[in-house]
Amino acid sequence: MSLFQRLQEGLAKTRTVLNRSLNRLTGRTLDPAARDELEAALLASDIGIRTVSKLMDRIREEGVAAGDVRAVLRAAVLDTLQGGQREPIDRQIKNGSKPFILLAVGVNGVGKTTTVAKLAQRLKQGGMAVLLVAADTFRAAAIEQLELWGSRIGVDVIRHKQGADPSAVVFDGVAAAKARGVDAVLIDTAGRLHTKANLMEELKKMKRVLARELPGAPGVDAGAPHEVLLVLDGTVGQNALSQAKLFHEAVGVTGIALTKLDGTAKGGVVVAITEELKVPVRLIGVGESAEDLQDFDAPAFADALFGQG
């Protein structure tokens, strides 16, 4: 199955919600009642109030005919999604200074550890030397899960005992990366409750340790972490947007990984997050296999979202 086919399948539920309304516009005049129905469908897909308002304003101001609504919506969504897009992480690592440090953050249950492991597997298959760091020291199960993944994909894991200082694990991870000359270090952190200030402070401490150990060169490299990747569960819709705002305020998120898009009718939250935070979506998960963790492709996503379904 091609990447686009997996994306099509993953967004099937969201596309059905949108198409149910778009298809009902066929042959109709885009009167106030029809526009209200369209607006409700867009909101139901969790595209977000701000984004939906902009889209509906454009439709009204330009006098868009019912038959052209799909194309206008796709163009507007694509314009939003393409803002701030960067080169794929693989290329970013190959072209940047070594070791590349990725700090993965997010609440419990979003698939953070799995996302980190899948990315590590992909980087290794691409010929890169990778190191995993188990900085979730609050749960023994989290350390064990990352070690299991590491054993499965043949990637070493730096770990301490449960209850250890996460920043100490991060420090050791950076030291090991320098000594071994690895290309990338992927750090798995505890599932922070985004409303718990003390846990957010722990993340800030890890960032300070990374910046101190790998400060970068002025004008060349901003230093570590080179990516603060926020992993979000696509099935929670607007709650994902709320989480993204709070994490961004606390630790300066640089990219989003959105998981579980294959089981949701709320895939439009990708648009809402991009519009609200101006932070690019880097990775999306549309299935269980490693191949289902894809680099975000804005045109392909817009096609899969608004294609005939």
Protein backbone atom coordinates (compact mmCIF):
# COMPACT_ATOMS: atom_id res chain seq x y z
CA MET A 1 0.00 0.00 0.00
CA SER A 2 1.37 3.44 -0.94
CA LEU A 3 1.88 6.23 1.59
CA PHE A 4 -1.01 8.17 0.08
CA GLN A 5 -3.30 5.16 0.27
CA ARG A 6 -2.47 4.75 3.97
CA LEU A 7 -3.19 8.43 4.50
CA GLN A 8 -6.49 8.10 2.61
CA GLU A 9 -7.50 5.18 4.80
CA GLY A 10 -6.37 6.94 7.97
CA LEU A 11 -8.47 10.03 7.23
CA ALA A 12 -11.52 8.09 6.02
CA LYS A 13 -13.69 8.93 9.04
CA THR A 14 -12.83 12.62 8.94
CA ARG A 15 -13.37 12.76 5.18
CA THR A 16 -16.77 11.09 5.56
CA VAL A 17 -17.92 13.81 7.98
CA LEU A 18 -16.86 16.55 5.58
CA ASN A 19 -18.14 14.87 2.43
CA ARG A 20 -21.53 14.21 3.95
CA SER A 21 -22.07 17.96 4.01
CA LEU A 22 -20.14 18.86 0.86
CA ASN A 23 -22.02 16.32 -1.21
CA ARG A 24 -25.35 17.71 -0.02
CA LEU A 25 -24.41 21.05 -1.58
CA THR A 26 -24.54 19.54 -5.06
CA GLY A 27 -27.12 21.37 -7.13
CA ARG A 28 -28.03 23.73 -4.29
CA THR A 29 -27.70 27.45 -3.87
CA LEU A 30 -25.23 28.32 -1.16
CA ASP A 31 -27.84 30.10 0.94
CA PRO A 32 -27.51 30.85 4.68
CA ALA A 33 -28.97 27.47 5.62
CA ALA A 34 -26.48 25.64 3.40
CA ARG A 35 -23.58 27.68 4.80
CA ASP A 36 -24.67 26.90 8.36
CA GLU A 37 -24.72 23.20 7.53
CA LEU A 38 -21.25 23.42 6.00
CA GLU A 39 -19.91 25.33 9.00
CA ALA A 40 -21.29 22.69 11.38
CA ALA A 41 -19.58 19.92 9.38
CA LEU A 42 -16.25 21.73 9.46
CA LEU A 43 -16.51 22.25 13.21
CA ALA A 44 -17.44 18.58 13.70
CA SER A 45 -14.18 17.58 12.01
CA ASP A 46 -12.33 19.71 14.58
CA ILE A 47 -10.73 22.04 12.07
CA GLY A 48 -11.13 24.69 14.77
CA ILE A 49 -13.30 27.75 15.30
CA ARG A 50 -10.71 30.27 14.12
CA THR A 51 -9.93 28.33 10.95
CA VAL A 52 -13.59 27.66 10.20
CA SER A 53 -14.45 31.35 10.67
CA LYS A 54 -11.75 32.35 8.19
CA LEU A 55 -12.95 29.77 5.69
CA MET A 56 -16.59 30.80 5.98
CA ASP A 57 -15.68 34.49 5.67
CA ARG A 58 -13.82 33.72 2.47
CA ILE A 59 -16.77 31.81 1.06
CA ARG A 60 -19.17 34.67 1.85
CA GLU A 61 -16.89 37.48 0.68
CA GLU A 62 -15.96 35.82 -2.60
CA GLY A 63 -19.50 34.66 -3.32
CA VAL A 64 -18.28 31.10 -3.84
CA ALA A 65 -20.76 28.87 -5.69
CA ALA A 66 -21.77 25.60 -4.06
CA GLY A 67 -19.93 23.58 -6.69
CA ASP A 68 -16.67 25.37 -5.95
CA VAL A 69 -16.74 25.07 -2.16
CA ARG A 70 -14.61 21.93 -2.03
CA ALA A 71 -11.82 23.44 -4.13
CA VAL A 72 -11.86 26.70 -2.12
CA LEU A 73 -11.74 24.82 1.17
CA ARG A 74 -8.90 22.62 -0.01
CA ALA A 75 -6.89 25.63 -1.19
CA ALA A 76 -7.43 27.51 2.07
CA VAL A 77 -6.54 24.51 4.22
CA LEU A 78 -3.45 23.78 2.12
CA ASP A 79 -2.31 27.38 2.50
CA THR A 80 -2.57 27.03 6.29
CA LEU A 81 -0.84 23.65 6.42
CA GLN A 82 2.11 24.71 4.29
CA GLY A 83 2.98 27.61 6.57
CA GLY A 84 6.23 26.93 8.40
CA GLN A 85 6.82 23.50 6.87
CA ARG A 86 10.43 22.34 7.12
CA GLU A 87 12.50 19.63 5.52
CA PRO A 88 11.87 16.05 6.79
CA ILE A 89 13.56 15.13 10.06
CA ASP A 90 15.78 12.56 8.32
CA ARG A 91 17.21 15.23 6.02
CA GLN A 92 17.45 17.72 8.88
CA ILE A 93 19.64 15.27 10.79
CA LYS A 94 21.85 14.46 7.80
CA ASN A 95 22.40 18.15 6.99
CA GLY A 96 22.84 19.41 10.56
CA SER A 97 25.41 19.15 13.32
CA LYS A 98 25.81 15.90 15.25
CA PRO A 99 24.44 14.64 17.49
CA PHE A 100 20.94 15.84 16.62
CA ILE A 101 18.83 15.93 19.79
CA LEU A 102 15.08 15.36 19.71
CA LEU A 103 13.10 15.84 22.92
CA ALA A 104 9.69 14.15 22.73
CA VAL A 105 7.02 15.55 25.05
CA GLY A 106 3.30 14.99 25.63
CA VAL A 107 0.75 13.58 28.04
CA ASN A 108 0.32 9.89 28.87
CA GLY A 109 -1.39 7.63 26.38
CA VAL A 110 -0.71 9.55 23.18
CA GLY A 111 1.75 7.02 21.75
CA LYS A 112 4.89 9.00 22.57
CA THR A 113 7.22 6.07 23.27
CA THR A 114 5.98 4.19 20.21
CA THR A 115 6.43 7.26 18.01
CA VAL A 116 9.99 7.77 19.26
CA ALA A 117 10.81 4.10 18.66
CA LYS A 118 9.29 4.07 15.17
CA LEU A 119 11.29 7.16 14.27
CA ALA A 120 14.45 5.54 15.62
CA GLN A 121 13.78 2.48 13.50
CA ARG A 122 13.31 4.60 10.40
CA LEU A 123 16.49 6.58 11.01
CA LYS A 124 18.49 3.40 11.54
CA GLN A 125 17.11 1.91 8.35
CA GLY A 126 18.26 5.09 6.64
CA GLY A 127 21.83 4.36 7.71
CA MET A 128 22.04 6.60 10.78
CA ALA A 129 23.44 5.76 14.19
CA VAL A 130 20.72 6.37 16.78
CA LEU A 131 20.56 6.39 20.56
CA LEU A 132 17.39 6.23 22.67
CA VAL A 133 17.18 7.88 26.10
CA ALA A 134 14.62 6.68 28.66
CA ALA A 135 13.99 9.95 30.52
CA ASP A 136 10.58 8.80 31.75
CA THR A 137 11.86 7.65 35.12
CA PHE A 138 8.52 7.92 36.89
CA ARG A 139 7.27 4.57 35.59
CA ALA A 140 9.33 1.38 35.43
CA ALA A 141 7.01 0.18 32.67
CA ALA A 142 8.00 3.12 30.48
CA ILE A 143 11.69 2.29 30.79
CA GLU A 144 10.98 -1.36 30.05
CA GLN A 145 8.86 -0.47 27.03
CA LEU A 146 11.62 1.63 25.49
CA GLU A 147 14.21 -1.07 26.22
CA LEU A 148 11.97 -3.63 24.53
CA TRP A 149 11.71 -1.40 21.48
CA GLY A 150 15.46 -0.82 21.50
CA SER A 151 16.14 -4.56 21.59
CA ARG A 152 13.64 -5.15 18.80
CA ILE A 153 15.09 -2.55 16.42
CA GLY A 154 18.73 -2.88 17.45
CA VAL A 155 19.19 0.55 19.02
CA ASP A 156 20.94 1.13 22.36
CA VAL A 157 18.97 2.70 25.21
CA ILE A 158 20.47 4.93 27.93
CA ARG A 159 18.52 4.42 31.16
CA HIS A 160 18.65 4.85 34.92
CA LYS A 161 16.57 3.21 37.64
CA GLN A 162 12.98 4.19 38.26
CA GLY A 163 12.80 7.37 40.32
CA ALA A 164 16.10 8.78 39.05
CA ASP A 165 16.43 12.42 38.05
CA PRO A 166 15.33 12.60 34.37
CA SER A 167 17.85 15.37 33.70
CA ALA A 168 20.65 13.08 34.88
CA VAL A 169 19.57 10.49 32.32
CA VAL A 170 19.53 13.17 29.63
CA PHE A 171 23.04 14.27 30.67
CA ASP A 172 24.31 10.68 30.37
CA GLY A 173 22.55 10.30 27.02
CA VAL A 174 24.35 13.32 25.59
CA ALA A 175 27.69 12.12 26.99
CA ALA A 176 27.18 8.69 25.41
CA ALA A 177 26.18 10.27 22.09
CA LYS A 178 29.36 12.37 22.01
CA ALA A 179 31.55 9.40 22.92
CA ARG A 180 30.00 7.09 20.35
CA GLY A 181 29.66 9.63 17.55
CA VAL A 182 25.98 8.93 16.93
CA ASP A 183 23.87 10.93 14.50
CA ALA A 184 20.70 11.31 16.54
CA VAL A 185 19.50 11.08 20.13
CA LEU A 186 15.77 10.59 20.69
CA ILE A 187 14.65 11.35 24.26
CA ASP A 188 11.44 9.86 25.60
CA THR A 189 10.05 11.87 28.54
CA ALA A 190 7.36 11.18 31.11
CA GLY A 191 3.73 11.71 30.18
CA ARG A 192 3.32 15.15 31.67
CA LEU A 193 -0.08 16.33 32.71
CA HIS A 194 0.03 19.64 30.91
CA THR A 195 -1.77 21.29 33.85
CA LYS A 196 0.90 20.27 36.40
CA ALA A 197 3.42 23.11 36.74
CA ASN A 198 6.04 21.03 38.62
CA LEU A 199 6.20 18.48 35.82
CA MET A 200 6.55 21.22 33.21
CA GLU A 201 9.43 22.61 35.27
CA GLU A 202 11.17 19.22 34.96
CA LEU A 203 10.95 19.50 31.18
CA LYS A 204 12.42 22.98 31.33
CA LYS A 205 15.30 21.61 33.40
CA MET A 206 16.01 18.95 30.76
CA LYS A 207 16.08 21.65 28.10
CA ARG A 208 18.58 23.65 30.15
CA VAL A 209 20.84 20.60 30.55
CA LEU A 210 20.74 19.95 26.81
CA ALA A 211 21.48 23.57 25.96
CA ARG A 212 24.44 23.58 28.36
CA GLU A 213 25.94 20.34 27.04
CA LEU A 214 25.37 21.11 23.35
CA PRO A 215 25.20 24.90 23.06
CA GLY A 216 25.74 25.04 19.31
CA ALA A 217 27.67 27.66 17.38
CA PRO A 218 26.35 31.22 16.93
CA GLY A 219 24.97 31.73 13.46
CA VAL A 220 25.43 28.05 12.61
CA ASP A 221 23.54 25.87 15.08
CA ALA A 222 20.97 26.93 17.67
CA GLY A 223 22.10 24.11 19.92
CA ALA A 224 20.17 21.34 21.66
CA PRO A 225 17.45 20.33 21.69
CA HIS A 226 17.25 20.72 17.92
CA GLU A 227 13.63 19.55 17.95
CA VAL A 228 11.02 19.66 20.71
CA LEU A 229 8.47 17.26 19.30
CA LEU A 230 5.03 17.32 20.90
CA VAL A 231 3.17 14.03 20.40
CA LEU A 232 -0.61 14.42 20.32
CA ASP A 233 -3.49 11.96 20.03
CA GLY A 234 -5.59 12.89 17.01
CA THR A 235 -8.71 11.27 18.46
CA VAL A 236 -9.08 13.89 21.21
CA GLY A 237 -9.70 16.76 18.79
CA GLN A 238 -9.77 20.18 20.40
CA ASN A 239 -8.23 18.80 23.61
CA ALA A 240 -5.09 18.21 21.54
CA LEU A 241 -5.09 21.90 20.65
CA SER A 242 -5.37 22.85 24.32
CA GLN A 243 -2.44 20.57 25.19
CA ALA A 244 -0.39 22.01 22.34
CA LYS A 245 -0.89 25.58 23.54
CA LEU A 246 0.24 24.80 27.10
CA PHE A 247 3.28 22.75 26.08
CA HIS A 248 4.27 25.42 23.58
CA GLU A 249 4.12 28.11 26.25
CA ALA A 250 6.20 26.00 28.64
CA VAL A 251 8.94 24.50 26.47
CA GLY A 252 8.74 26.04 23.00
CA VAL A 253 7.43 23.23 20.82
CA THR A 254 9.06 23.20 17.38
CA GLY A 255 7.07 20.40 15.76
CA ILE A 256 4.02 18.17 16.18
CA ALA A 257 3.61 14.43 15.76
CA LEU A 258 -0.07 13.55 15.51
CA THR A 259 -0.93 9.91 16.20
CA LYS A 260 -4.01 7.69 15.83
CA LEU A 261 -5.46 9.53 12.84
CA ASP A 262 -6.65 6.17 11.56
CA GLY A 263 -9.29 5.94 14.29
CA THR A 264 -10.81 9.41 14.35
CA ALA A 265 -13.33 11.70 12.67
CA LYS A 266 -11.41 14.64 14.17
CA GLY A 267 -8.43 14.69 11.80
CA GLY A 268 -9.12 18.34 11.04
CA VAL A 269 -7.35 19.22 14.28
CA VAL A 270 -4.14 19.19 12.23
CA VAL A 271 -5.39 22.36 10.56
CA ALA A 272 -6.46 23.96 13.85
CA ILE A 273 -3.07 23.38 15.50
CA THR A 274 -1.16 24.75 12.53
CA GLU A 275 -3.40 27.81 12.32
CA GLU A 276 -3.38 28.58 16.04
CA LEU A 277 0.25 27.93 16.97
CA LYS A 278 2.12 28.40 13.69
CA VAL A 279 4.02 25.22 14.61
CA PRO A 280 4.44 22.71 11.78
CA VAL A 281 3.17 19.15 11.91
CA ARG A 282 6.25 17.01 11.28
CA LEU A 283 4.93 13.45 11.58
CA ILE A 284 1.55 11.73 11.47
CA GLY A 285 0.56 8.22 12.49
CA VAL A 286 -2.11 6.48 10.45
CA GLY A 287 -1.68 2.89 11.63
CA GLU A 288 0.22 0.49 13.86
CA SER A 289 3.24 -0.41 11.72
CA ALA A 290 6.48 1.55 11.54
CA GLU A 291 5.68 2.45 7.94
CA ASP A 292 2.50 4.17 9.11
CA LEU A 293 4.53 6.92 10.81
CA GLN A 294 4.83 9.35 7.90
CA ASP A 295 6.44 12.69 7.27
CA PHE A 296 3.63 15.20 7.06
CA ASP A 297 2.83 16.07 3.45
CA ALA A 298 0.49 19.07 3.30
CA PRO A 299 -0.81 18.58 -0.30
CA ALA A 300 -1.38 14.86 0.27
CA PHE A 301 -3.17 15.58 3.55
CA ALA A 302 -5.44 18.17 1.91
CA ASP A 303 -6.23 15.74 -0.93
CA ALA A 304 -7.02 12.95 1.54
CA LEU A 305 -9.16 15.31 3.65
CA PHE A 306 -11.29 16.72 0.84
CA GLY A 307 -11.14 13.96 -1.75
CA GLN A 308 -14.34 12.34 -2.92
CA GLY A 309 -15.32 9.89 -0.20
